[in-house]
Amino acid sequence: MRLRFINPNTTVSMTDKVLAAARDAAPAGVRVEASTSRFGPAAIQGEADGRAALPGLLEAVARADAEGVDVLAIACFDDTGIAQARAASAVPVLGIGQCACLASLALGHRFSVVTTLAVSIPVIERNLTRAGLAGGCARVRASEVPVLALERPGSEAERRVAEEIERAIAEDDIGAIVLGCAGMADLAARFEERFGLPVLDGVVAATRVATLVAARRRADERS
């Protein structure tokens, strides 16, 4: 099974981070790939960036379809352009935001999302409502870390995200944290060990969901 993550921004280092996390999580028999949008914003921070990313995302979806990929996953927690991508693609399209939140609920945990900038909060809250997941989310919180700061070694990004997680644990009556950015994919394991509760990353969650989706699709094709 070929699973391809599409990074709808143009930052290659983020794509590389996503690919590494997905490959670590993928079971045997799953070939994980990743592509970076060829044009659009360098980071997606809010609704305007999401609109600007859409043409590049759809071009990458068309390319993946032509190359015979089995499942696609949009590597942006905003699930940028997911409705348009699903309409355009012949294969299942997953969003890492939706997958991460579903994973928390599947474990039986009410969660808070810790994302980057406050401008992303309305997008994420709207996605949760549309997907029927809002009841499981205590709060969407912004760490006020710009997305690209997560790509800069030595920045204060990890510390500031950790501080917001601490506030969420203290204030939100939750059993899990969902990391609200693909650029946080490398932080989940460290935060889970540090805070002693599930810290869910959408890249890993989407990788696991993709295997189930592909298996169901194969079964449907045989029947």
N, C-alpha and C. Protein backbone atom coordinates (compact mmCIF):
# COMPACT_ATOMS: atom_id res chain seq x y z
N MET A 1 0.85 -1.19 0.00
CA MET A 1 0.00 0.00 0.00
C MET A 1 0.88 1.24 0.00
N ARG A 2 0.56 2.19 -0.88
CA ARG A 2 1.31 3.45 -0.97
C ARG A 2 0.50 4.56 -0.32
N LEU A 3 1.07 5.14 0.72
CA LEU A 3 0.49 6.27 1.41
C LEU A 3 1.35 7.49 1.13
N ARG A 4 0.75 8.54 0.61
CA ARG A 4 1.51 9.75 0.35
C ARG A 4 0.96 10.92 1.17
N PHE A 5 1.84 11.53 1.95
CA PHE A 5 1.52 12.78 2.63
C PHE A 5 1.82 13.93 1.68
N ILE A 6 0.89 14.85 1.59
CA ILE A 6 1.11 16.07 0.82
C ILE A 6 1.22 17.23 1.79
N ASN A 7 2.37 17.88 1.80
CA ASN A 7 2.55 19.10 2.57
C ASN A 7 2.04 20.25 1.72
N PRO A 8 0.96 20.92 2.12
CA PRO A 8 0.40 21.96 1.27
C PRO A 8 1.12 23.30 1.39
N ASN A 9 2.19 23.37 2.19
CA ASN A 9 3.04 24.54 2.12
C ASN A 9 4.34 24.17 1.38
N THR A 10 5.22 25.13 1.21
CA THR A 10 6.40 24.91 0.37
C THR A 10 7.68 24.68 1.17
N THR A 11 7.57 24.40 2.46
CA THR A 11 8.74 24.23 3.33
C THR A 11 9.17 22.77 3.35
N VAL A 12 10.27 22.48 2.69
CA VAL A 12 10.72 21.10 2.51
C VAL A 12 11.12 20.46 3.84
N SER A 13 11.72 21.23 4.74
CA SER A 13 12.13 20.65 6.02
C SER A 13 10.94 20.09 6.80
N MET A 14 9.78 20.71 6.66
CA MET A 14 8.59 20.20 7.33
C MET A 14 8.14 18.89 6.68
N THR A 15 8.22 18.83 5.36
CA THR A 15 7.90 17.57 4.67
C THR A 15 8.80 16.45 5.13
N ASP A 16 10.09 16.74 5.27
CA ASP A 16 11.05 15.72 5.72
C ASP A 16 10.70 15.23 7.13
N LYS A 17 10.30 16.14 8.00
CA LYS A 17 9.92 15.79 9.36
C LYS A 17 8.68 14.88 9.36
N VAL A 18 7.71 15.25 8.54
CA VAL A 18 6.49 14.45 8.41
C VAL A 18 6.81 13.05 7.92
N LEU A 19 7.65 12.97 6.89
CA LEU A 19 8.01 11.67 6.32
C LEU A 19 8.70 10.79 7.34
N ALA A 20 9.62 11.35 8.11
CA ALA A 20 10.32 10.55 9.12
C ALA A 20 9.36 10.02 10.17
N ALA A 21 8.45 10.86 10.64
CA ALA A 21 7.50 10.41 11.67
C ALA A 21 6.57 9.33 11.13
N ALA A 22 6.11 9.50 9.89
CA ALA A 22 5.19 8.53 9.30
C ALA A 22 5.88 7.19 9.05
N ARG A 23 7.10 7.23 8.57
CA ARG A 23 7.82 5.98 8.33
C ARG A 23 8.10 5.23 9.62
N ASP A 24 8.38 5.95 10.70
CA ASP A 24 8.59 5.29 11.99
C ASP A 24 7.31 4.59 12.47
N ALA A 25 6.15 5.15 12.12
CA ALA A 25 4.87 4.62 12.60
C ALA A 25 4.27 3.57 11.67
N ALA A 26 4.75 3.48 10.45
CA ALA A 26 4.09 2.63 9.44
C ALA A 26 4.38 1.16 9.69
N PRO A 27 3.36 0.32 9.59
CA PRO A 27 3.58 -1.12 9.71
C PRO A 27 4.21 -1.68 8.44
N ALA A 28 4.65 -2.92 8.52
CA ALA A 28 5.21 -3.59 7.35
C ALA A 28 4.18 -3.61 6.22
N GLY A 29 4.65 -3.43 5.02
CA GLY A 29 3.76 -3.46 3.87
C GLY A 29 3.21 -2.11 3.47
N VAL A 30 3.51 -1.07 4.23
CA VAL A 30 3.06 0.27 3.90
C VAL A 30 4.25 1.08 3.41
N ARG A 31 4.15 1.55 2.20
CA ARG A 31 5.19 2.40 1.62
C ARG A 31 4.77 3.85 1.80
N VAL A 32 5.51 4.56 2.63
CA VAL A 32 5.17 5.95 2.94
C VAL A 32 6.01 6.88 2.08
N GLU A 33 5.32 7.85 1.46
CA GLU A 33 5.96 8.86 0.63
C GLU A 33 5.50 10.24 1.12
N ALA A 34 6.19 11.26 0.65
CA ALA A 34 5.75 12.62 0.99
C ALA A 34 6.16 13.56 -0.14
N SER A 35 5.30 14.54 -0.40
CA SER A 35 5.61 15.54 -1.40
C SER A 35 5.34 16.92 -0.83
N THR A 36 6.04 17.91 -1.38
CA THR A 36 5.88 19.30 -0.96
C THR A 36 5.20 20.07 -2.07
N SER A 37 4.27 20.93 -1.70
CA SER A 37 3.60 21.74 -2.70
C SER A 37 4.63 22.54 -3.50
N ARG A 38 4.41 22.62 -4.80
CA ARG A 38 5.36 23.31 -5.68
C ARG A 38 5.17 24.82 -5.67
N PHE A 39 4.04 25.28 -5.20
CA PHE A 39 3.81 26.73 -5.11
C PHE A 39 2.76 27.00 -4.04
N GLY A 40 2.84 28.20 -3.46
CA GLY A 40 1.93 28.56 -2.38
C GLY A 40 2.71 29.15 -1.22
N PRO A 41 2.08 29.30 -0.05
CA PRO A 41 2.74 29.91 1.11
C PRO A 41 3.78 28.98 1.72
N ALA A 42 4.76 29.58 2.38
CA ALA A 42 5.79 28.79 3.07
C ALA A 42 5.25 28.16 4.34
N ALA A 43 4.19 28.71 4.90
CA ALA A 43 3.54 28.16 6.09
C ALA A 43 2.06 28.49 5.99
N ILE A 44 1.23 27.65 6.61
CA ILE A 44 -0.21 27.90 6.62
C ILE A 44 -0.60 28.32 8.02
N GLN A 45 -0.94 29.59 8.14
CA GLN A 45 -1.29 30.19 9.42
C GLN A 45 -2.60 30.94 9.23
N GLY A 46 -3.71 30.21 9.36
CA GLY A 46 -5.00 30.85 9.22
C GLY A 46 -5.65 30.64 7.87
N GLU A 47 -6.85 31.16 7.76
CA GLU A 47 -7.71 30.91 6.61
C GLU A 47 -7.14 31.45 5.30
N ALA A 48 -6.54 32.63 5.32
CA ALA A 48 -6.01 33.22 4.08
C ALA A 48 -4.90 32.36 3.51
N ASP A 49 -3.99 31.88 4.35
CA ASP A 49 -2.93 30.99 3.87
C ASP A 49 -3.52 29.69 3.32
N GLY A 50 -4.57 29.20 3.96
CA GLY A 50 -5.21 27.99 3.47
C GLY A 50 -5.76 28.16 2.06
N ARG A 51 -6.38 29.29 1.81
CA ARG A 51 -6.87 29.56 0.46
C ARG A 51 -5.72 29.66 -0.54
N ALA A 52 -4.64 30.31 -0.14
CA ALA A 52 -3.50 30.47 -1.04
C ALA A 52 -2.83 29.14 -1.35
N ALA A 53 -2.94 28.19 -0.43
CA ALA A 53 -2.30 26.89 -0.62
C ALA A 53 -3.09 25.95 -1.51
N LEU A 54 -4.35 26.25 -1.75
CA LEU A 54 -5.24 25.31 -2.42
C LEU A 54 -4.79 24.93 -3.83
N PRO A 55 -4.40 25.86 -4.71
CA PRO A 55 -3.98 25.44 -6.06
C PRO A 55 -2.79 24.48 -6.04
N GLY A 56 -1.79 24.76 -5.22
CA GLY A 56 -0.64 23.86 -5.14
C GLY A 56 -1.01 22.50 -4.59
N LEU A 57 -1.91 22.48 -3.60
CA LEU A 57 -2.37 21.22 -3.03
C LEU A 57 -3.07 20.37 -4.09
N LEU A 58 -3.97 20.98 -4.84
CA LEU A 58 -4.73 20.22 -5.83
C LEU A 58 -3.84 19.73 -6.96
N GLU A 59 -2.80 20.50 -7.31
CA GLU A 59 -1.84 20.02 -8.30
C GLU A 59 -1.12 18.79 -7.78
N ALA A 60 -0.76 18.79 -6.50
CA ALA A 60 -0.09 17.64 -5.91
C ALA A 60 -1.01 16.43 -5.81
N VAL A 61 -2.29 16.67 -5.56
CA VAL A 61 -3.27 15.58 -5.53
C VAL A 61 -3.38 14.93 -6.91
N ALA A 62 -3.46 15.75 -7.95
CA ALA A 62 -3.56 15.22 -9.31
C ALA A 62 -2.32 14.40 -9.67
N ARG A 63 -1.17 14.89 -9.24
CA ARG A 63 0.07 14.17 -9.50
C ARG A 63 0.09 12.82 -8.80
N ALA A 64 -0.37 12.80 -7.55
CA ALA A 64 -0.41 11.55 -6.80
C ALA A 64 -1.36 10.54 -7.43
N ASP A 65 -2.52 11.01 -7.87
CA ASP A 65 -3.47 10.12 -8.54
C ASP A 65 -2.85 9.51 -9.79
N ALA A 66 -2.15 10.33 -10.57
CA ALA A 66 -1.54 9.84 -11.81
C ALA A 66 -0.44 8.82 -11.53
N GLU A 67 0.16 8.90 -10.35
CA GLU A 67 1.27 8.00 -10.00
C GLU A 67 0.81 6.75 -9.25
N GLY A 68 -0.50 6.59 -9.06
CA GLY A 68 -1.03 5.35 -8.52
C GLY A 68 -0.94 5.20 -7.01
N VAL A 69 -0.97 6.29 -6.29
CA VAL A 69 -0.97 6.22 -4.82
C VAL A 69 -2.30 5.65 -4.33
N ASP A 70 -2.27 4.92 -3.22
CA ASP A 70 -3.48 4.27 -2.71
C ASP A 70 -4.27 5.14 -1.73
N VAL A 71 -3.58 5.89 -0.89
CA VAL A 71 -4.21 6.77 0.10
C VAL A 71 -3.39 8.05 0.18
N LEU A 72 -4.09 9.18 0.31
CA LEU A 72 -3.44 10.47 0.50
C LEU A 72 -3.74 11.01 1.89
N ALA A 73 -2.80 11.77 2.42
CA ALA A 73 -3.02 12.47 3.70
C ALA A 73 -2.49 13.89 3.56
N ILE A 74 -3.30 14.85 3.97
CA ILE A 74 -2.90 16.25 3.91
C ILE A 74 -2.14 16.59 5.19
N ALA A 75 -0.87 16.96 5.03
CA ALA A 75 0.01 17.17 6.18
C ALA A 75 -0.06 18.61 6.66
N CYS A 76 -1.25 19.01 7.07
CA CYS A 76 -1.47 20.30 7.72
C CYS A 76 -2.60 20.09 8.71
N PHE A 77 -2.41 20.52 9.96
CA PHE A 77 -3.43 20.25 10.97
C PHE A 77 -4.75 20.94 10.66
N ASP A 78 -4.71 22.02 9.86
CA ASP A 78 -5.95 22.68 9.44
C ASP A 78 -6.75 21.83 8.46
N ASP A 79 -6.21 20.68 8.05
CA ASP A 79 -6.85 19.84 7.02
C ASP A 79 -7.19 20.69 5.79
N THR A 80 -6.21 21.46 5.39
CA THR A 80 -6.36 22.43 4.30
C THR A 80 -6.88 21.77 3.03
N GLY A 81 -7.97 22.30 2.51
CA GLY A 81 -8.49 21.86 1.23
C GLY A 81 -8.98 20.43 1.18
N ILE A 82 -9.34 19.86 2.34
CA ILE A 82 -9.67 18.44 2.34
C ILE A 82 -10.92 18.13 1.53
N ALA A 83 -11.92 18.99 1.59
CA ALA A 83 -13.15 18.73 0.81
C ALA A 83 -12.86 18.78 -0.68
N GLN A 84 -12.07 19.76 -1.10
CA GLN A 84 -11.73 19.88 -2.53
C GLN A 84 -10.85 18.71 -2.97
N ALA A 85 -9.92 18.31 -2.12
CA ALA A 85 -9.04 17.20 -2.47
C ALA A 85 -9.83 15.89 -2.59
N ARG A 86 -10.77 15.69 -1.69
CA ARG A 86 -11.59 14.47 -1.77
C ARG A 86 -12.45 14.47 -3.03
N ALA A 87 -12.94 15.63 -3.41
CA ALA A 87 -13.75 15.71 -4.62
C ALA A 87 -12.91 15.46 -5.87
N ALA A 88 -11.64 15.83 -5.82
CA ALA A 88 -10.78 15.74 -7.00
C ALA A 88 -10.09 14.38 -7.14
N SER A 89 -9.93 13.65 -6.04
CA SER A 89 -9.11 12.45 -6.05
C SER A 89 -9.93 11.19 -6.21
N ALA A 90 -9.31 10.19 -6.81
CA ALA A 90 -9.94 8.88 -6.96
C ALA A 90 -9.67 7.98 -5.77
N VAL A 91 -8.84 8.43 -4.82
CA VAL A 91 -8.48 7.59 -3.67
C VAL A 91 -8.88 8.30 -2.38
N PRO A 92 -8.91 7.58 -1.26
CA PRO A 92 -9.25 8.22 0.01
C PRO A 92 -8.25 9.32 0.38
N VAL A 93 -8.75 10.41 0.94
CA VAL A 93 -7.92 11.52 1.38
C VAL A 93 -8.17 11.76 2.86
N LEU A 94 -7.12 11.68 3.67
CA LEU A 94 -7.21 11.88 5.11
C LEU A 94 -6.65 13.25 5.48
N GLY A 95 -7.11 13.78 6.61
CA GLY A 95 -6.54 14.99 7.17
C GLY A 95 -5.91 14.67 8.50
N ILE A 96 -4.70 15.19 8.75
CA ILE A 96 -4.02 14.82 9.99
C ILE A 96 -4.73 15.41 11.21
N GLY A 97 -5.40 16.55 11.05
CA GLY A 97 -6.13 17.12 12.18
C GLY A 97 -7.26 16.21 12.62
N GLN A 98 -8.07 15.81 11.67
CA GLN A 98 -9.20 14.93 11.98
C GLN A 98 -8.71 13.61 12.56
N CYS A 99 -7.65 13.04 11.99
CA CYS A 99 -7.15 11.74 12.46
C CYS A 99 -6.63 11.82 13.89
N ALA A 100 -5.93 12.90 14.23
CA ALA A 100 -5.40 13.03 15.58
C ALA A 100 -6.51 13.13 16.61
N CYS A 101 -7.53 13.91 16.31
CA CYS A 101 -8.64 14.08 17.25
C CYS A 101 -9.44 12.78 17.40
N LEU A 102 -9.63 12.08 16.30
CA LEU A 102 -10.30 10.79 16.37
C LEU A 102 -9.51 9.80 17.20
N ALA A 103 -8.19 9.84 17.08
CA ALA A 103 -7.34 8.92 17.85
C ALA A 103 -7.50 9.17 19.34
N SER A 104 -7.57 10.43 19.75
CA SER A 104 -7.75 10.73 21.16
C SER A 104 -9.09 10.20 21.67
N LEU A 105 -10.13 10.42 20.89
CA LEU A 105 -11.45 9.95 21.30
C LEU A 105 -11.51 8.42 21.31
N ALA A 106 -10.81 7.78 20.38
CA ALA A 106 -10.79 6.32 20.35
C ALA A 106 -10.12 5.76 21.60
N LEU A 107 -9.18 6.51 22.16
CA LEU A 107 -8.54 6.09 23.41
C LEU A 107 -9.37 6.44 24.64
N GLY A 108 -10.48 7.14 24.43
CA GLY A 108 -11.37 7.49 25.52
C GLY A 108 -11.00 8.77 26.24
N HIS A 109 -10.23 9.65 25.55
CA HIS A 109 -9.73 10.84 26.22
C HIS A 109 -10.32 12.12 25.63
N ARG A 110 -10.86 12.96 26.51
CA ARG A 110 -11.16 14.33 26.14
C ARG A 110 -9.82 15.05 25.98
N PHE A 111 -9.74 15.95 25.04
CA PHE A 111 -8.44 16.52 24.68
C PHE A 111 -8.52 18.03 24.51
N SER A 112 -7.36 18.66 24.59
CA SER A 112 -7.18 20.03 24.11
C SER A 112 -6.18 20.01 22.97
N VAL A 113 -6.38 20.87 22.00
CA VAL A 113 -5.45 21.05 20.89
C VAL A 113 -4.51 22.20 21.24
N VAL A 114 -3.21 21.99 21.08
CA VAL A 114 -2.23 23.06 21.22
C VAL A 114 -1.62 23.31 19.85
N THR A 115 -1.94 24.47 19.29
CA THR A 115 -1.51 24.80 17.94
C THR A 115 -0.46 25.92 17.98
N THR A 116 -0.25 26.55 16.86
CA THR A 116 0.79 27.57 16.72
C THR A 116 0.24 28.95 17.06
N LEU A 117 -0.32 29.66 16.08
CA LEU A 117 -0.79 31.03 16.28
C LEU A 117 -2.30 31.07 16.47
N ALA A 118 -2.76 32.11 17.14
CA ALA A 118 -4.19 32.25 17.41
C ALA A 118 -5.02 32.36 16.14
N VAL A 119 -4.43 32.82 15.04
CA VAL A 119 -5.16 32.95 13.79
C VAL A 119 -5.66 31.59 13.29
N SER A 120 -5.05 30.51 13.75
CA SER A 120 -5.48 29.17 13.34
C SER A 120 -6.64 28.63 14.16
N ILE A 121 -6.92 29.23 15.29
CA ILE A 121 -7.96 28.68 16.18
C ILE A 121 -9.33 28.61 15.51
N PRO A 122 -9.82 29.66 14.84
CA PRO A 122 -11.16 29.54 14.23
C PRO A 122 -11.24 28.44 13.17
N VAL A 123 -10.17 28.24 12.42
CA VAL A 123 -10.17 27.18 11.40
C VAL A 123 -10.30 25.82 12.06
N ILE A 124 -9.51 25.59 13.09
CA ILE A 124 -9.53 24.30 13.78
C ILE A 124 -10.87 24.07 14.47
N GLU A 125 -11.40 25.09 15.13
CA GLU A 125 -12.70 24.94 15.79
C GLU A 125 -13.79 24.63 14.77
N ARG A 126 -13.76 25.27 13.63
CA ARG A 126 -14.76 25.00 12.59
C ARG A 126 -14.63 23.57 12.08
N ASN A 127 -13.40 23.10 11.89
CA ASN A 127 -13.19 21.73 11.44
C ASN A 127 -13.73 20.72 12.45
N LEU A 128 -13.49 20.98 13.72
CA LEU A 128 -13.99 20.08 14.77
C LEU A 128 -15.51 20.00 14.74
N THR A 129 -16.15 21.14 14.56
CA THR A 129 -17.62 21.16 14.51
C THR A 129 -18.13 20.41 13.30
N ARG A 130 -17.55 20.65 12.15
CA ARG A 130 -17.98 19.99 10.92
C ARG A 130 -17.81 18.49 10.99
N ALA A 131 -16.77 18.03 11.66
CA ALA A 131 -16.49 16.60 11.75
C ALA A 131 -17.23 15.94 12.91
N GLY A 132 -18.00 16.71 13.69
CA GLY A 132 -18.71 16.15 14.84
C GLY A 132 -17.81 15.82 16.01
N LEU A 133 -16.65 16.47 16.11
CA LEU A 133 -15.66 16.15 17.14
C LEU A 133 -15.56 17.22 18.22
N ALA A 134 -16.31 18.30 18.08
CA ALA A 134 -16.16 19.42 19.00
C ALA A 134 -16.47 19.03 20.44
N GLY A 135 -17.39 18.11 20.65
CA GLY A 135 -17.75 17.72 22.01
C GLY A 135 -16.64 17.05 22.77
N GLY A 136 -15.66 16.50 22.06
CA GLY A 136 -14.53 15.84 22.72
C GLY A 136 -13.36 16.76 22.99
N CYS A 137 -13.47 18.00 22.51
CA CYS A 137 -12.36 18.95 22.64
C CYS A 137 -12.68 19.98 23.71
N ALA A 138 -11.83 20.07 24.71
CA ALA A 138 -12.03 21.06 25.76
C ALA A 138 -11.73 22.46 25.26
N ARG A 139 -10.64 22.60 24.53
CA ARG A 139 -10.21 23.93 24.10
C ARG A 139 -9.16 23.82 23.01
N VAL A 140 -9.17 24.76 22.08
CA VAL A 140 -8.08 24.91 21.11
C VAL A 140 -7.23 26.07 21.59
N ARG A 141 -5.96 25.80 21.86
CA ARG A 141 -5.06 26.77 22.45
C ARG A 141 -3.94 27.14 21.47
N ALA A 142 -3.52 28.38 21.51
CA ALA A 142 -2.39 28.84 20.69
C ALA A 142 -1.17 29.03 21.57
N SER A 143 -0.06 28.48 21.15
CA SER A 143 1.21 28.70 21.85
C SER A 143 1.89 29.98 21.39
N GLU A 144 1.33 30.61 20.36
CA GLU A 144 1.88 31.82 19.73
C GLU A 144 3.30 31.60 19.22
N VAL A 145 3.50 30.41 18.68
CA VAL A 145 4.75 30.07 17.99
C VAL A 145 4.49 30.10 16.50
N PRO A 146 5.18 30.94 15.73
CA PRO A 146 5.01 30.88 14.27
C PRO A 146 5.41 29.51 13.74
N VAL A 147 4.71 29.04 12.73
CA VAL A 147 4.96 27.70 12.20
C VAL A 147 6.42 27.50 11.85
N LEU A 148 7.03 28.45 11.17
CA LEU A 148 8.40 28.25 10.71
C LEU A 148 9.42 28.28 11.84
N ALA A 149 9.04 28.80 13.02
CA ALA A 149 9.94 28.72 14.17
C ALA A 149 10.19 27.27 14.57
N LEU A 150 9.23 26.40 14.31
CA LEU A 150 9.39 24.97 14.60
C LEU A 150 10.47 24.33 13.74
N GLU A 151 10.83 24.99 12.65
CA GLU A 151 11.84 24.47 11.73
C GLU A 151 13.23 25.02 12.01
N ARG A 152 13.35 25.94 12.97
CA ARG A 152 14.64 26.58 13.24
C ARG A 152 15.29 25.97 14.47
N PRO A 153 16.41 25.25 14.31
CA PRO A 153 17.12 24.72 15.48
C PRO A 153 17.51 25.85 16.43
N GLY A 154 17.32 25.59 17.71
CA GLY A 154 17.70 26.58 18.71
C GLY A 154 16.64 27.63 19.00
N SER A 155 15.50 27.58 18.31
CA SER A 155 14.43 28.54 18.60
C SER A 155 13.76 28.16 19.92
N GLU A 156 12.91 29.05 20.41
CA GLU A 156 12.19 28.79 21.66
C GLU A 156 10.87 28.07 21.43
N ALA A 157 10.67 27.56 20.22
CA ALA A 157 9.37 26.99 19.87
C ALA A 157 8.98 25.85 20.79
N GLU A 158 9.87 24.90 21.01
CA GLU A 158 9.51 23.74 21.83
C GLU A 158 9.17 24.17 23.25
N ARG A 159 9.93 25.09 23.83
CA ARG A 159 9.65 25.56 25.18
C ARG A 159 8.28 26.21 25.26
N ARG A 160 7.93 27.02 24.29
CA ARG A 160 6.66 27.74 24.33
C ARG A 160 5.48 26.79 24.13
N VAL A 161 5.64 25.79 23.28
CA VAL A 161 4.58 24.79 23.12
C VAL A 161 4.41 24.02 24.43
N ALA A 162 5.52 23.66 25.05
CA ALA A 162 5.46 22.92 26.33
C ALA A 162 4.76 23.74 27.40
N GLU A 163 5.00 25.02 27.45
CA GLU A 163 4.34 25.86 28.44
C GLU A 163 2.84 25.90 28.23
N GLU A 164 2.41 25.90 26.97
CA GLU A 164 0.97 25.91 26.70
C GLU A 164 0.35 24.56 27.06
N ILE A 165 1.08 23.47 26.84
CA ILE A 165 0.60 22.16 27.26
C ILE A 165 0.43 22.13 28.78
N GLU A 166 1.38 22.68 29.50
CA GLU A 166 1.27 22.73 30.97
C GLU A 166 0.00 23.47 31.40
N ARG A 167 -0.29 24.57 30.73
CA ARG A 167 -1.50 25.33 31.07
C ARG A 167 -2.75 24.51 30.74
N ALA A 168 -2.73 23.81 29.63
CA ALA A 168 -3.89 23.00 29.25
C ALA A 168 -4.15 21.90 30.28
N ILE A 169 -3.11 21.25 30.72
CA ILE A 169 -3.26 20.17 31.71
C ILE A 169 -3.80 20.73 33.02
N ALA A 170 -3.34 21.91 33.39
CA ALA A 170 -3.76 22.51 34.66
C ALA A 170 -5.20 23.02 34.62
N GLU A 171 -5.66 23.47 33.46
CA GLU A 171 -6.92 24.22 33.40
C GLU A 171 -8.07 23.52 32.69
N ASP A 172 -7.81 22.52 31.84
CA ASP A 172 -8.84 22.08 30.89
C ASP A 172 -9.55 20.78 31.23
N ASP A 173 -9.16 20.07 32.29
CA ASP A 173 -9.80 18.81 32.66
C ASP A 173 -9.78 17.84 31.48
N ILE A 174 -8.59 17.47 31.05
CA ILE A 174 -8.40 16.64 29.86
C ILE A 174 -7.57 15.40 30.19
N GLY A 175 -7.62 14.43 29.27
CA GLY A 175 -6.80 13.24 29.40
C GLY A 175 -5.77 13.10 28.32
N ALA A 176 -5.73 14.05 27.36
CA ALA A 176 -4.78 13.96 26.26
C ALA A 176 -4.56 15.34 25.65
N ILE A 177 -3.43 15.47 24.99
CA ILE A 177 -3.10 16.65 24.21
C ILE A 177 -2.99 16.24 22.75
N VAL A 178 -3.56 17.06 21.88
CA VAL A 178 -3.39 16.89 20.44
C VAL A 178 -2.53 18.04 19.94
N LEU A 179 -1.43 17.71 19.28
CA LEU A 179 -0.53 18.73 18.75
C LEU A 179 -1.08 19.26 17.44
N GLY A 180 -1.27 20.58 17.37
CA GLY A 180 -2.02 21.18 16.27
C GLY A 180 -1.19 21.74 15.14
N CYS A 181 -0.12 21.03 14.75
CA CYS A 181 0.68 21.46 13.61
C CYS A 181 1.53 20.29 13.14
N ALA A 182 1.63 20.10 11.82
CA ALA A 182 2.49 19.04 11.28
C ALA A 182 3.94 19.24 11.67
N GLY A 183 4.34 20.50 11.87
CA GLY A 183 5.71 20.80 12.26
C GLY A 183 6.05 20.39 13.67
N MET A 184 5.07 19.91 14.44
CA MET A 184 5.31 19.40 15.79
C MET A 184 5.47 17.89 15.81
N ALA A 185 5.53 17.25 14.65
CA ALA A 185 5.53 15.79 14.59
C ALA A 185 6.68 15.16 15.37
N ASP A 186 7.79 15.87 15.49
CA ASP A 186 8.94 15.31 16.19
C ASP A 186 8.91 15.56 17.70
N LEU A 187 7.87 16.23 18.19
CA LEU A 187 7.81 16.58 19.60
C LEU A 187 6.95 15.64 20.44
N ALA A 188 6.09 14.86 19.79
CA ALA A 188 5.07 14.11 20.52
C ALA A 188 5.67 13.16 21.55
N ALA A 189 6.67 12.38 21.16
CA ALA A 189 7.22 11.38 22.07
C ALA A 189 7.87 12.05 23.29
N ARG A 190 8.60 13.13 23.07
CA ARG A 190 9.25 13.82 24.19
C ARG A 190 8.21 14.41 25.14
N PHE A 191 7.17 15.01 24.58
CA PHE A 191 6.14 15.61 25.43
C PHE A 191 5.35 14.54 26.19
N GLU A 192 5.10 13.42 25.56
CA GLU A 192 4.36 12.35 26.24
C GLU A 192 5.14 11.85 27.45
N GLU A 193 6.44 11.67 27.28
CA GLU A 193 7.28 11.23 28.39
C GLU A 193 7.33 12.30 29.48
N ARG A 194 7.42 13.54 29.07
CA ARG A 194 7.54 14.64 30.04
C ARG A 194 6.28 14.85 30.85
N PHE A 195 5.12 14.79 30.19
CA PHE A 195 3.88 15.17 30.86
C PHE A 195 3.07 13.98 31.37
N GLY A 196 3.40 12.77 30.96
CA GLY A 196 2.76 11.59 31.52
C GLY A 196 1.32 11.38 31.10
N LEU A 197 0.95 11.86 29.93
CA LEU A 197 -0.37 11.58 29.35
C LEU A 197 -0.22 11.49 27.84
N PRO A 198 -1.21 10.92 27.13
CA PRO A 198 -1.07 10.79 25.69
C PRO A 198 -0.94 12.15 25.01
N VAL A 199 0.06 12.27 24.15
CA VAL A 199 0.27 13.45 23.32
C VAL A 199 0.23 12.96 21.88
N LEU A 200 -0.82 13.35 21.18
CA LEU A 200 -1.12 12.75 19.89
C LEU A 200 -0.72 13.68 18.75
N ASP A 201 -0.04 13.07 17.79
CA ASP A 201 0.41 13.77 16.59
C ASP A 201 -0.39 13.27 15.40
N GLY A 202 -0.85 14.19 14.55
CA GLY A 202 -1.70 13.81 13.44
C GLY A 202 -1.03 13.00 12.36
N VAL A 203 0.29 13.15 12.21
CA VAL A 203 0.99 12.39 11.18
C VAL A 203 0.97 10.90 11.52
N VAL A 204 1.31 10.58 12.75
CA VAL A 204 1.27 9.18 13.19
C VAL A 204 -0.16 8.65 13.14
N ALA A 205 -1.12 9.45 13.61
CA ALA A 205 -2.51 9.01 13.59
C ALA A 205 -2.99 8.73 12.17
N ALA A 206 -2.67 9.61 11.23
CA ALA A 206 -3.10 9.41 9.85
C ALA A 206 -2.44 8.18 9.23
N THR A 207 -1.21 7.91 9.59
CA THR A 207 -0.52 6.71 9.08
C THR A 207 -1.26 5.46 9.50
N ARG A 208 -1.70 5.43 10.73
CA ARG A 208 -2.41 4.25 11.23
C ARG A 208 -3.82 4.14 10.65
N VAL A 209 -4.50 5.26 10.53
CA VAL A 209 -5.83 5.24 9.91
C VAL A 209 -5.74 4.80 8.46
N ALA A 210 -4.71 5.24 7.76
CA ALA A 210 -4.56 4.92 6.34
C ALA A 210 -4.49 3.42 6.10
N THR A 211 -3.85 2.68 7.00
CA THR A 211 -3.76 1.24 6.81
C THR A 211 -5.14 0.59 6.90
N LEU A 212 -5.99 1.09 7.80
CA LEU A 212 -7.34 0.57 7.93
C LEU A 212 -8.19 0.93 6.71
N VAL A 213 -8.05 2.16 6.24
CA VAL A 213 -8.81 2.61 5.08
C VAL A 213 -8.44 1.80 3.84
N ALA A 214 -7.15 1.57 3.65
CA ALA A 214 -6.71 0.81 2.48
C ALA A 214 -7.20 -0.64 2.54
N ALA A 215 -7.16 -1.23 3.73
CA ALA A 215 -7.64 -2.61 3.88
C ALA A 215 -9.13 -2.70 3.59
N ARG A 216 -9.92 -1.74 4.07
CA ARG A 216 -11.35 -1.73 3.81
C ARG A 216 -11.64 -1.57 2.33
N ARG A 217 -10.86 -0.72 1.68
CA ARG A 217 -11.06 -0.48 0.25
C ARG A 217 -10.77 -1.75 -0.56
N ARG A 218 -9.71 -2.45 -0.18
CA ARG A 218 -9.39 -3.69 -0.88
C ARG A 218 -10.49 -4.73 -0.69
N ALA A 219 -11.02 -4.81 0.54
CA ALA A 219 -12.10 -5.75 0.81
C ALA A 219 -13.34 -5.41 0.00
N ASP A 220 -13.65 -4.13 -0.12
CA ASP A 220 -14.81 -3.72 -0.90
C ASP A 220 -14.64 -4.05 -2.38
N GLU A 221 -13.41 -3.89 -2.87
CA GLU A 221 -13.15 -4.18 -4.28
C GLU A 221 -13.28 -5.68 -4.58
N ARG A 222 -12.96 -6.53 -3.58
CA ARG A 222 -13.07 -7.98 -3.78
C ARG A 222 -14.50 -8.48 -3.71
N SER A 223 -15.35 -7.76 -2.99
CA SER A 223 -16.73 -8.23 -2.76
C SER A 223 -17.64 -7.91 -3.94
